Amino acid sequence: MKPALQDLLLELPSCWSDLPSGLFVQKQIERHLNPWLPKVFGYHFLKLGRLSTAINTTNCSIKHQVNVGNEGHNLGVLADIHHLPFSENSVDGILLAQSLDFTSDPHQVLREAHRVLIPDGYIFITGFNPISLTGICRYLPGMKKNLLNNARFFSVNRIGDWLNLLGCEVIDDSRFILSPLTGGSNKYKPKFLRQSWFSSLSYKYFNRLGSVYLIVARKRELPLTPIKPKWKVKPKLQTVTNVRIKAGVD
C-alpha cells in the first residue's frame, strides 16, 4: 500500500468537464448526495476544492454555503484547503468532492476538515473507487494523458480508517457508476447503459464495484468503541450454596 503523504506535483482538474464523463459524474454525485443534505442543520456549510464548489447543494437546509479554494471561480474564501482560515468547531457541514484524489497530503485535508467541524457535524466525501472498472482501466496504455491517471484512488475502507482515527463515525457509504470512465468525451452514458434491465442487474449484484463512492460521516466527541477493562472486581463476600446447618446437641 502506497503512503498517503507523497511529494507529488499533481495536475488538477479545474472543472468537472476536464475529467472523462465528468459532467455525468457530477450529476450522479448530486443525485446521491441530495437525500442527505436536508439532514444537515446549522449556520455554515463549506465546499472545499475546485470540484466541490461546482456541486449543486441547494437542497441543503443551511443557506450560508462558502466555496473555498486556492484558485478558481465563484470562491467565497481564497485559501488552501490544507490550512483552513476558520476556528475550531465552527462549521456544521463540509463537502469534499474528489478533493482527496487530487492532493499530495489527504491526511492534512481531513485533519483540517475535522478541526473546523462542530461535534455531530456532517462531512461528505466523494472519490474514485480503485476496486472498479475505472480503477482497472486507468492502467491501460492510452490512459496516461487522462487526468484520472493522476487521481489517488483511495479505497473506501482506507478513508474510513482515517476518519475513525480522527473521531468520525462513518454512517453510510455508497458506490455508483459501474461503467468505466475512460472516454475523453463528456457525453452522458452510452445508450445500453441507460437500459433499465442493465441498471437493475448491475446494481443488484455488483453495486460495490461502482467507479465513484460517497462517504457520509459525522464528527463524534466520545470514543466510538468503548474499551472494556481487562480486570474484574471480585466481591469481598461470596454466597455459599449447598450448606447444611446441623443443630447443636445440648
C-alpha atoms as a PDB file:
ATOM      1  CA  MET A   1       0.000   0.000   0.000  1.00  0.00           C
ATOM      2  CA  LYS A   2       1.426   3.364  -1.010  1.00  0.00           C
ATOM      3  CA  PRO A   3       1.792   6.013   1.737  1.00  0.00           C
ATOM      4  CA  ALA A   4      -0.877   8.693   1.697  1.00  0.00           C
ATOM      5  CA  LEU A   5       1.638  11.536   2.002  1.00  0.00           C
ATOM      6  CA  GLN A   6       3.658  11.846  -1.179  1.00  0.00           C
ATOM      7  CA  ASP A   7       5.793  14.538  -2.726  1.00  0.00           C
ATOM      8  CA  LEU A   8       3.691  14.848  -5.849  1.00  0.00           C
ATOM      9  CA  LEU A   9       3.033  17.603  -8.324  1.00  0.00           C
ATOM     10  CA  LEU A  10      -0.465  16.659  -9.459  1.00  0.00           C
ATOM     11  CA  GLU A  11      -2.207  18.084 -12.479  1.00  0.00           C
ATOM     12  CA  LEU A  12      -5.563  19.133 -11.057  1.00  0.00           C
ATOM     13  CA  PRO A  13      -8.854  19.332 -12.924  1.00  0.00           C
ATOM     14  CA  SER A  14     -10.142  22.893 -12.967  1.00  0.00           C
ATOM     15  CA  CYS A  15     -13.731  21.751 -13.545  1.00  0.00           C
ATOM     16  CA  TRP A  16     -15.736  18.566 -13.991  1.00  0.00           C
ATOM     17  CA  SER A  17     -15.530  18.773 -17.780  1.00  0.00           C
ATOM     18  CA  ASP A  18     -11.762  18.203 -17.538  1.00  0.00           C
ATOM     19  CA  LEU A  19     -12.451  14.613 -16.447  1.00  0.00           C
ATOM     20  CA  PRO A  20     -13.709  11.828 -18.711  1.00  0.00           C
ATOM     21  CA  SER A  21     -17.511  11.745 -18.400  1.00  0.00           C
ATOM     22  CA  GLY A  22     -17.011  14.447 -15.779  1.00  0.00           C
ATOM     23  CA  LEU A  23     -20.384  16.133 -16.186  1.00  0.00           C
ATOM     24  CA  PHE A  24     -22.128  12.796 -15.817  1.00  0.00           C
ATOM     25  CA  VAL A  25     -20.105  12.054 -12.670  1.00  0.00           C
ATOM     26  CA  GLN A  26     -21.072  15.447 -11.258  1.00  0.00           C
ATOM     27  CA  LYS A  27     -24.794  14.810 -11.835  1.00  0.00           C
ATOM     28  CA  GLN A  28     -24.600  11.360 -10.253  1.00  0.00           C
ATOM     29  CA  ILE A  29     -22.831  12.730  -7.185  1.00  0.00           C
ATOM     30  CA  GLU A  30     -25.541  15.363  -6.818  1.00  0.00           C
ATOM     31  CA  ARG A  31     -28.247  12.700  -7.142  1.00  0.00           C
ATOM     32  CA  HIS A  32     -26.761  10.528  -4.378  1.00  0.00           C
ATOM     33  CA  LEU A  33     -25.883  13.486  -2.164  1.00  0.00           C
ATOM     34  CA  ASN A  34     -29.289  15.193  -2.318  1.00  0.00           C
ATOM     35  CA  PRO A  35     -31.147  12.880   0.134  1.00  0.00           C
ATOM     36  CA  TRP A  36     -28.549  13.630   2.828  1.00  0.00           C
ATOM     37  CA  LEU A  37     -28.401  17.406   2.538  1.00  0.00           C
ATOM     38  CA  PRO A  38     -31.704  18.170   4.352  1.00  0.00           C
ATOM     39  CA  LYS A  39     -30.329  16.290   7.381  1.00  0.00           C
ATOM     40  CA  VAL A  40     -27.615  18.922   7.905  1.00  0.00           C
ATOM     41  CA  PHE A  41     -28.698  21.761  10.194  1.00  0.00           C
ATOM     42  CA  GLY A  42     -26.822  24.807  11.393  1.00  0.00           C
ATOM     43  CA  TYR A  43     -25.331  28.003  10.068  1.00  0.00           C
ATOM     44  CA  HIS A  44     -22.287  27.300   7.877  1.00  0.00           C
ATOM     45  CA  PHE A  45     -21.554  24.767   5.116  1.00  0.00           C
ATOM     46  CA  LEU A  46     -18.164  24.545   3.369  1.00  0.00           C
ATOM     47  CA  LYS A  47     -17.400  23.192  -0.092  1.00  0.00           C
ATOM     48  CA  LEU A  48     -13.659  22.551  -0.281  1.00  0.00           C
ATOM     49  CA  GLY A  49     -11.781  22.404  -3.574  1.00  0.00           C
ATOM     50  CA  ARG A  50     -12.474  23.229  -7.207  1.00  0.00           C
ATOM     51  CA  LEU A  51     -14.791  20.316  -7.951  1.00  0.00           C
ATOM     52  CA  SER A  52     -16.735  20.655  -4.686  1.00  0.00           C
ATOM     53  CA  THR A  53     -17.676  24.233  -5.488  1.00  0.00           C
ATOM     54  CA  ALA A  54     -19.475  23.117  -8.667  1.00  0.00           C
ATOM     55  CA  ILE A  55     -21.708  20.592  -6.865  1.00  0.00           C
ATOM     56  CA  ASN A  56     -25.308  21.783  -6.517  1.00  0.00           C
ATOM     57  CA  THR A  57     -26.187  21.756  -2.798  1.00  0.00           C
ATOM     58  CA  THR A  58     -29.299  23.949  -2.853  1.00  0.00           C
ATOM     59  CA  ASN A  59     -31.200  21.075  -1.233  1.00  0.00           C
ATOM     60  CA  CYS A  60     -29.220  21.681   1.976  1.00  0.00           C
ATOM     61  CA  SER A  61     -31.115  23.372   4.804  1.00  0.00           C
ATOM     62  CA  ILE A  62     -28.056  25.559   5.502  1.00  0.00           C
ATOM     63  CA  LYS A  63     -28.254  28.626   3.316  1.00  0.00           C
ATOM     64  CA  HIS A  64     -24.842  30.121   4.144  1.00  0.00           C
ATOM     65  CA  GLN A  65     -22.597  28.000   1.930  1.00  0.00           C
ATOM     66  CA  VAL A  66     -18.988  29.006   1.294  1.00  0.00           C
ATOM     67  CA  ASN A  67     -16.802  27.868  -1.612  1.00  0.00           C
ATOM     68  CA  VAL A  68     -13.173  27.506  -0.525  1.00  0.00           C
ATOM     69  CA  GLY A  69     -10.152  27.031  -2.784  1.00  0.00           C
ATOM     70  CA  ASN A  70      -6.767  28.477  -3.687  1.00  0.00           C
ATOM     71  CA  GLU A  71      -7.852  29.314  -7.244  1.00  0.00           C
ATOM     72  CA  GLY A  72     -10.903  29.119  -9.453  1.00  0.00           C
ATOM     73  CA  HIS A  73     -14.234  30.834  -9.992  1.00  0.00           C
ATOM     74  CA  ASN A  74     -17.097  31.605  -7.591  1.00  0.00           C
ATOM     75  CA  LEU A  75     -14.917  31.358  -4.482  1.00  0.00           C
ATOM     76  CA  GLY A  76     -16.202  32.838  -1.248  1.00  0.00           C
ATOM     77  CA  VAL A  77     -12.858  32.365   0.527  1.00  0.00           C
ATOM     78  CA  LEU A  78      -9.487  32.187  -1.215  1.00  0.00           C
ATOM     79  CA  ALA A  79      -7.497  29.713   0.886  1.00  0.00           C
ATOM     80  CA  ASP A  80      -5.525  26.479   0.852  1.00  0.00           C
ATOM     81  CA  ILE A  81      -7.803  23.613   1.944  1.00  0.00           C
ATOM     82  CA  HIS A  82      -4.803  22.112   3.792  1.00  0.00           C
ATOM     83  CA  HIS A  83      -4.842  25.149   6.125  1.00  0.00           C
ATOM     84  CA  LEU A  84      -8.359  26.474   6.562  1.00  0.00           C
ATOM     85  CA  PRO A  85      -8.753  30.024   7.943  1.00  0.00           C
ATOM     86  CA  PHE A  86     -11.606  29.069  10.266  1.00  0.00           C
ATOM     87  CA  SER A  87     -11.762  28.499  14.008  1.00  0.00           C
ATOM     88  CA  GLU A  88     -12.305  25.109  15.614  1.00  0.00           C
ATOM     89  CA  ASN A  89     -15.835  23.723  15.862  1.00  0.00           C
ATOM     90  CA  SER A  90     -17.300  26.483  13.710  1.00  0.00           C
ATOM     91  CA  VAL A  91     -18.757  24.691  10.661  1.00  0.00           C
ATOM     92  CA  ASP A  92     -21.842  22.464  10.502  1.00  0.00           C
ATOM     93  CA  GLY A  93     -21.192  20.591   7.252  1.00  0.00           C
ATOM     94  CA  ILE A  94     -18.355  20.007   4.780  1.00  0.00           C
ATOM     95  CA  LEU A  95     -18.209  18.647   1.236  1.00  0.00           C
ATOM     96  CA  LEU A  96     -15.015  17.150  -0.202  1.00  0.00           C
ATOM     97  CA  ALA A  97     -15.805  16.140  -3.781  1.00  0.00           C
ATOM     98  CA  GLN A  98     -12.791  14.301  -5.229  1.00  0.00           C
ATOM     99  CA  SER A  99     -10.618  16.557  -3.062  1.00  0.00           C
ATOM    100  CA  LEU A 100      -8.639  13.654  -1.569  1.00  0.00           C
ATOM    101  CA  ASP A 101      -7.969  12.184  -5.007  1.00  0.00           C
ATOM    102  CA  PHE A 102      -6.042  15.246  -6.151  1.00  0.00           C
ATOM    103  CA  THR A 103      -3.896  16.161  -3.149  1.00  0.00           C
ATOM    104  CA  SER A 104      -0.441  15.052  -2.026  1.00  0.00           C
ATOM    105  CA  ASP A 105      -1.498  15.116   1.653  1.00  0.00           C
ATOM    106  CA  PRO A 106      -5.041  13.760   2.165  1.00  0.00           C
ATOM    107  CA  HIS A 107      -4.440  13.318   5.907  1.00  0.00           C
ATOM    108  CA  GLN A 108      -3.932  17.053   6.353  1.00  0.00           C
ATOM    109  CA  VAL A 109      -7.086  17.861   4.394  1.00  0.00           C
ATOM    110  CA  LEU A 110      -9.104  15.541   6.637  1.00  0.00           C
ATOM    111  CA  ARG A 111      -7.465  16.885   9.808  1.00  0.00           C
ATOM    112  CA  GLU A 112      -8.400  20.435   8.879  1.00  0.00           C
ATOM    113  CA  ALA A 113     -11.951  19.428   7.986  1.00  0.00           C
ATOM    114  CA  HIS A 114     -12.285  17.631  11.327  1.00  0.00           C
ATOM    115  CA  ARG A 115     -10.833  20.594  13.224  1.00  0.00           C
ATOM    116  CA  VAL A 116     -13.321  23.156  11.936  1.00  0.00           C
ATOM    117  CA  LEU A 117     -16.340  20.822  12.044  1.00  0.00           C
ATOM    118  CA  ILE A 118     -18.664  21.024  15.051  1.00  0.00           C
ATOM    119  CA  PRO A 119     -19.394  17.881  17.106  1.00  0.00           C
ATOM    120  CA  ASP A 120     -22.023  15.790  15.273  1.00  0.00           C
ATOM    121  CA  GLY A 121     -21.406  17.847  12.122  1.00  0.00           C
ATOM    122  CA  TYR A 122     -21.554  16.114   8.742  1.00  0.00           C
ATOM    123  CA  ILE A 123     -18.715  15.525   6.312  1.00  0.00           C
ATOM    124  CA  PHE A 124     -19.415  14.251   2.795  1.00  0.00           C
ATOM    125  CA  ILE A 125     -16.548  12.732   0.806  1.00  0.00           C
ATOM    126  CA  THR A 126     -16.664  11.553  -2.797  1.00  0.00           C
ATOM    127  CA  GLY A 127     -13.863   9.982  -4.776  1.00  0.00           C
ATOM    128  CA  PHE A 128     -12.875   7.384  -7.328  1.00  0.00           C
ATOM    129  CA  ASN A 129     -13.077   3.737  -6.265  1.00  0.00           C
ATOM    130  CA  PRO A 130      -9.920   1.695  -7.033  1.00  0.00           C
ATOM    131  CA  ILE A 131     -11.938  -1.543  -6.955  1.00  0.00           C
ATOM    132  CA  SER A 132     -13.908  -0.736 -10.090  1.00  0.00           C
ATOM    133  CA  LEU A 133     -13.663  -0.905 -13.866  1.00  0.00           C
ATOM    134  CA  THR A 134     -12.362   2.655 -13.840  1.00  0.00           C
ATOM    135  CA  GLY A 135      -9.723   1.711 -11.269  1.00  0.00           C
ATOM    136  CA  ILE A 136      -8.534  -1.117 -13.509  1.00  0.00           C
ATOM    137  CA  CYS A 137      -8.760   0.679 -16.854  1.00  0.00           C
ATOM    138  CA  ARG A 138      -6.603   3.605 -15.725  1.00  0.00           C
ATOM    139  CA  TYR A 139      -3.562   1.323 -16.098  1.00  0.00           C
ATOM    140  CA  LEU A 140      -4.266   0.727 -19.776  1.00  0.00           C
ATOM    141  CA  PRO A 141      -1.770   2.127 -22.350  1.00  0.00           C
ATOM    142  CA  GLY A 142      -3.669   5.192 -23.686  1.00  0.00           C
ATOM    143  CA  MET A 143      -4.742   6.422 -20.239  1.00  0.00           C
ATOM    144  CA  LYS A 144      -1.511   8.235 -19.315  1.00  0.00           C
ATOM    145  CA  LYS A 145      -2.749  11.527 -20.738  1.00  0.00           C
ATOM    146  CA  ASN A 146      -6.066  11.144 -18.928  1.00  0.00           C
ATOM    147  CA  LEU A 147      -6.443  13.255 -15.768  1.00  0.00           C
ATOM    148  CA  LEU A 148      -7.829  10.192 -13.988  1.00  0.00           C
ATOM    149  CA  ASN A 149      -4.324   8.778 -14.177  1.00  0.00           C
ATOM    150  CA  ASN A 150      -3.308  11.489 -11.674  1.00  0.00           C
ATOM    151  CA  ALA A 151      -6.067  10.625  -9.180  1.00  0.00           C
ATOM    152  CA  ARG A 152      -5.008   8.860  -5.969  1.00  0.00           C
ATOM    153  CA  PHE A 153      -7.881   6.310  -5.922  1.00  0.00           C
ATOM    154  CA  PHE A 154      -8.048   5.682  -2.157  1.00  0.00           C
ATOM    155  CA  SER A 155     -10.345   2.838  -1.088  1.00  0.00           C
ATOM    156  CA  VAL A 156     -13.466   3.433   0.980  1.00  0.00           C
ATOM    157  CA  ASN A 157     -12.088   1.266   3.792  1.00  0.00           C
ATOM    158  CA  ARG A 158      -8.850   3.238   3.945  1.00  0.00           C
ATOM    159  CA  ILE A 159     -10.634   6.574   4.180  1.00  0.00           C
ATOM    160  CA  GLY A 160     -12.973   5.059   6.764  1.00  0.00           C
ATOM    161  CA  ASP A 161      -9.941   4.121   8.891  1.00  0.00           C
ATOM    162  CA  TRP A 162      -8.592   7.683   8.677  1.00  0.00           C
ATOM    163  CA  LEU A 163     -11.961   9.102   9.711  1.00  0.00           C
ATOM    164  CA  ASN A 164     -12.232   6.681  12.609  1.00  0.00           C
ATOM    165  CA  LEU A 165      -8.794   7.705  13.911  1.00  0.00           C
ATOM    166  CA  LEU A 166      -9.904  11.337  13.848  1.00  0.00           C
ATOM    167  CA  GLY A 167     -13.039  10.506  15.820  1.00  0.00           C
ATOM    168  CA  CYS A 168     -15.574  10.475  12.996  1.00  0.00           C
ATOM    169  CA  GLU A 169     -18.217   7.820  12.526  1.00  0.00           C
ATOM    170  CA  VAL A 170     -18.988   6.614   9.005  1.00  0.00           C
ATOM    171  CA  ILE A 171     -22.761   6.276   8.924  1.00  0.00           C
ATOM    172  CA  ASP A 172     -23.141   5.402   5.242  1.00  0.00           C
ATOM    173  CA  ASP A 173     -21.171   4.697   2.094  1.00  0.00           C
ATOM    174  CA  SER A 174     -22.421   4.037  -1.399  1.00  0.00           C
ATOM    175  CA  ARG A 175     -20.853   3.344  -4.768  1.00  0.00           C
ATOM    176  CA  PHE A 176     -22.274   4.104  -8.188  1.00  0.00           C
ATOM    177  CA  ILE A 177     -21.471   4.376 -11.934  1.00  0.00           C
ATOM    178  CA  LEU A 178     -20.491   0.836 -12.850  1.00  0.00           C
ATOM    179  CA  SER A 179     -19.281   1.753 -16.332  1.00  0.00           C
ATOM    180  CA  PRO A 180     -15.584   2.645 -16.767  1.00  0.00           C
ATOM    181  CA  LEU A 181     -14.800   6.355 -17.002  1.00  0.00           C
ATOM    182  CA  THR A 182     -12.229   6.100 -19.757  1.00  0.00           C
ATOM    183  CA  GLY A 183     -13.531   8.163 -22.655  1.00  0.00           C
ATOM    184  CA  GLY A 184     -12.405  11.695 -23.339  1.00  0.00           C
ATOM    185  CA  SER A 185     -15.926  12.815 -24.162  1.00  0.00           C
ATOM    186  CA  ASN A 186     -18.342  14.285 -21.670  1.00  0.00           C
ATOM    187  CA  LYS A 187     -21.384  12.818 -23.347  1.00  0.00           C
ATOM    188  CA  TYR A 188     -23.717  11.071 -20.980  1.00  0.00           C
ATOM    189  CA  LYS A 189     -23.952   7.318 -20.617  1.00  0.00           C
ATOM    190  CA  PRO A 190     -23.927   5.130 -23.716  1.00  0.00           C
ATOM    191  CA  LYS A 191     -27.426   4.011 -24.669  1.00  0.00           C
ATOM    192  CA  PHE A 192     -27.164   0.410 -23.449  1.00  0.00           C
ATOM    193  CA  LEU A 193     -26.002   1.585 -20.018  1.00  0.00           C
ATOM    194  CA  ARG A 194     -29.215   3.568 -19.658  1.00  0.00           C
ATOM    195  CA  GLN A 195     -31.392   0.485 -20.158  1.00  0.00           C
ATOM    196  CA  SER A 196     -33.399  -0.370 -17.039  1.00  0.00           C
ATOM    197  CA  TRP A 197     -32.555  -4.081 -17.203  1.00  0.00           C
ATOM    198  CA  PHE A 198     -28.831  -3.341 -17.213  1.00  0.00           C
ATOM    199  CA  SER A 199     -29.045  -0.920 -14.294  1.00  0.00           C
ATOM    200  CA  SER A 200     -31.171  -3.289 -12.201  1.00  0.00           C
ATOM    201  CA  LEU A 201     -28.923  -6.274 -12.847  1.00  0.00           C
ATOM    202  CA  SER A 202     -25.708  -4.365 -12.266  1.00  0.00           C
ATOM    203  CA  TYR A 203     -26.685  -2.657  -9.026  1.00  0.00           C
ATOM    204  CA  LYS A 204     -28.200  -5.845  -7.651  1.00  0.00           C
ATOM    205  CA  TYR A 205     -25.039  -7.913  -7.980  1.00  0.00           C
ATOM    206  CA  PHE A 206     -22.131  -5.504  -8.476  1.00  0.00           C
ATOM    207  CA  ASN A 207     -23.105  -2.325  -6.644  1.00  0.00           C
ATOM    208  CA  ARG A 208     -19.872  -2.284  -4.590  1.00  0.00           C
ATOM    209  CA  LEU A 209     -17.832  -2.012  -7.794  1.00  0.00           C
ATOM    210  CA  GLY A 210     -19.058   1.447  -8.736  1.00  0.00           C
ATOM    211  CA  SER A 211     -16.448   3.850 -10.088  1.00  0.00           C
ATOM    212  CA  VAL A 212     -17.414   6.632  -7.651  1.00  0.00           C
ATOM    213  CA  TYR A 213     -18.160   6.475  -3.922  1.00  0.00           C
ATOM    214  CA  LEU A 214     -19.930   8.720  -1.438  1.00  0.00           C
ATOM    215  CA  ILE A 215     -18.970   8.527   2.241  1.00  0.00           C
ATOM    216  CA  VAL A 216     -21.205  10.153   4.850  1.00  0.00           C
ATOM    217  CA  ALA A 217     -19.586  10.647   8.265  1.00  0.00           C
ATOM    218  CA  ARG A 218     -20.213  12.592  11.455  1.00  0.00           C
ATOM    219  CA  LYS A 219     -17.759  14.008  13.957  1.00  0.00           C
ATOM    220  CA  ARG A 220     -18.071  12.409  17.381  1.00  0.00           C
ATOM    221  CA  GLU A 221     -16.531  13.565  20.655  1.00  0.00           C
ATOM    222  CA  LEU A 222     -16.711  10.304  22.611  1.00  0.00           C
ATOM    223  CA  PRO A 223     -14.751   7.160  21.637  1.00  0.00           C
ATOM    224  CA  LEU A 224     -16.687   5.201  19.037  1.00  0.00           C
ATOM    225  CA  THR A 225     -15.747   1.784  20.504  1.00  0.00           C
ATOM    226  CA  PRO A 226     -15.870   1.509  24.314  1.00  0.00           C
ATOM    227  CA  ILE A 227     -12.826  -0.238  25.750  1.00  0.00           C
ATOM    228  CA  LYS A 228     -13.678  -2.886  28.337  1.00  0.00           C
ATOM    229  CA  PRO A 229     -11.270  -3.217  31.283  1.00  0.00           C
ATOM    230  CA  LYS A 230      -9.341  -6.483  31.423  1.00  0.00           C
ATOM    231  CA  TRP A 231      -9.570  -6.661  35.207  1.00  0.00           C
ATOM    232  CA  LYS A 232     -12.674  -7.548  37.188  1.00  0.00           C
ATOM    233  CA  VAL A 233     -13.586  -6.579  40.743  1.00  0.00           C
ATOM    234  CA  LYS A 234     -14.206  -9.617  42.923  1.00  0.00           C
ATOM    235  CA  PRO A 235     -16.827  -9.226  45.637  1.00  0.00           C
ATOM    236  CA  LYS A 236     -15.492  -9.472  49.202  1.00  0.00           C
ATOM    237  CA  LEU A 237     -18.441 -11.541  50.339  1.00  0.00           C
ATOM    238  CA  GLN A 238     -19.353 -14.633  48.361  1.00  0.00           C
ATOM    239  CA  THR A 239     -22.584 -16.557  48.604  1.00  0.00           C
ATOM    240  CA  VAL A 240     -22.172 -20.108  49.879  1.00  0.00           C
ATOM    241  CA  THR A 241     -24.545 -22.665  48.416  1.00  0.00           C
ATOM    242  CA  ASN A 242     -25.496 -26.210  49.343  1.00  0.00           C
ATOM    243  CA  VAL A 243     -24.527 -25.812  53.022  1.00  0.00           C
ATOM    244  CA  ARG A 244     -26.422 -27.769  55.654  1.00  0.00           C
ATOM    245  CA  ILE A 245     -26.589 -26.418  59.186  1.00  0.00           C
ATOM    246  CA  LYS A 246     -26.573 -29.110  61.872  1.00  0.00           C
ATOM    247  CA  ALA A 247     -28.419 -28.247  65.043  1.00  0.00           C
ATOM    248  CA  GLY A 248     -26.298 -28.384  68.164  1.00  0.00           C
ATOM    249  CA  VAL A 249     -26.997 -31.005  70.941  1.00  0.00           C
ATOM    250  CA  ASP A 250     -27.436 -29.702  74.481  1.00  0.00           C
END
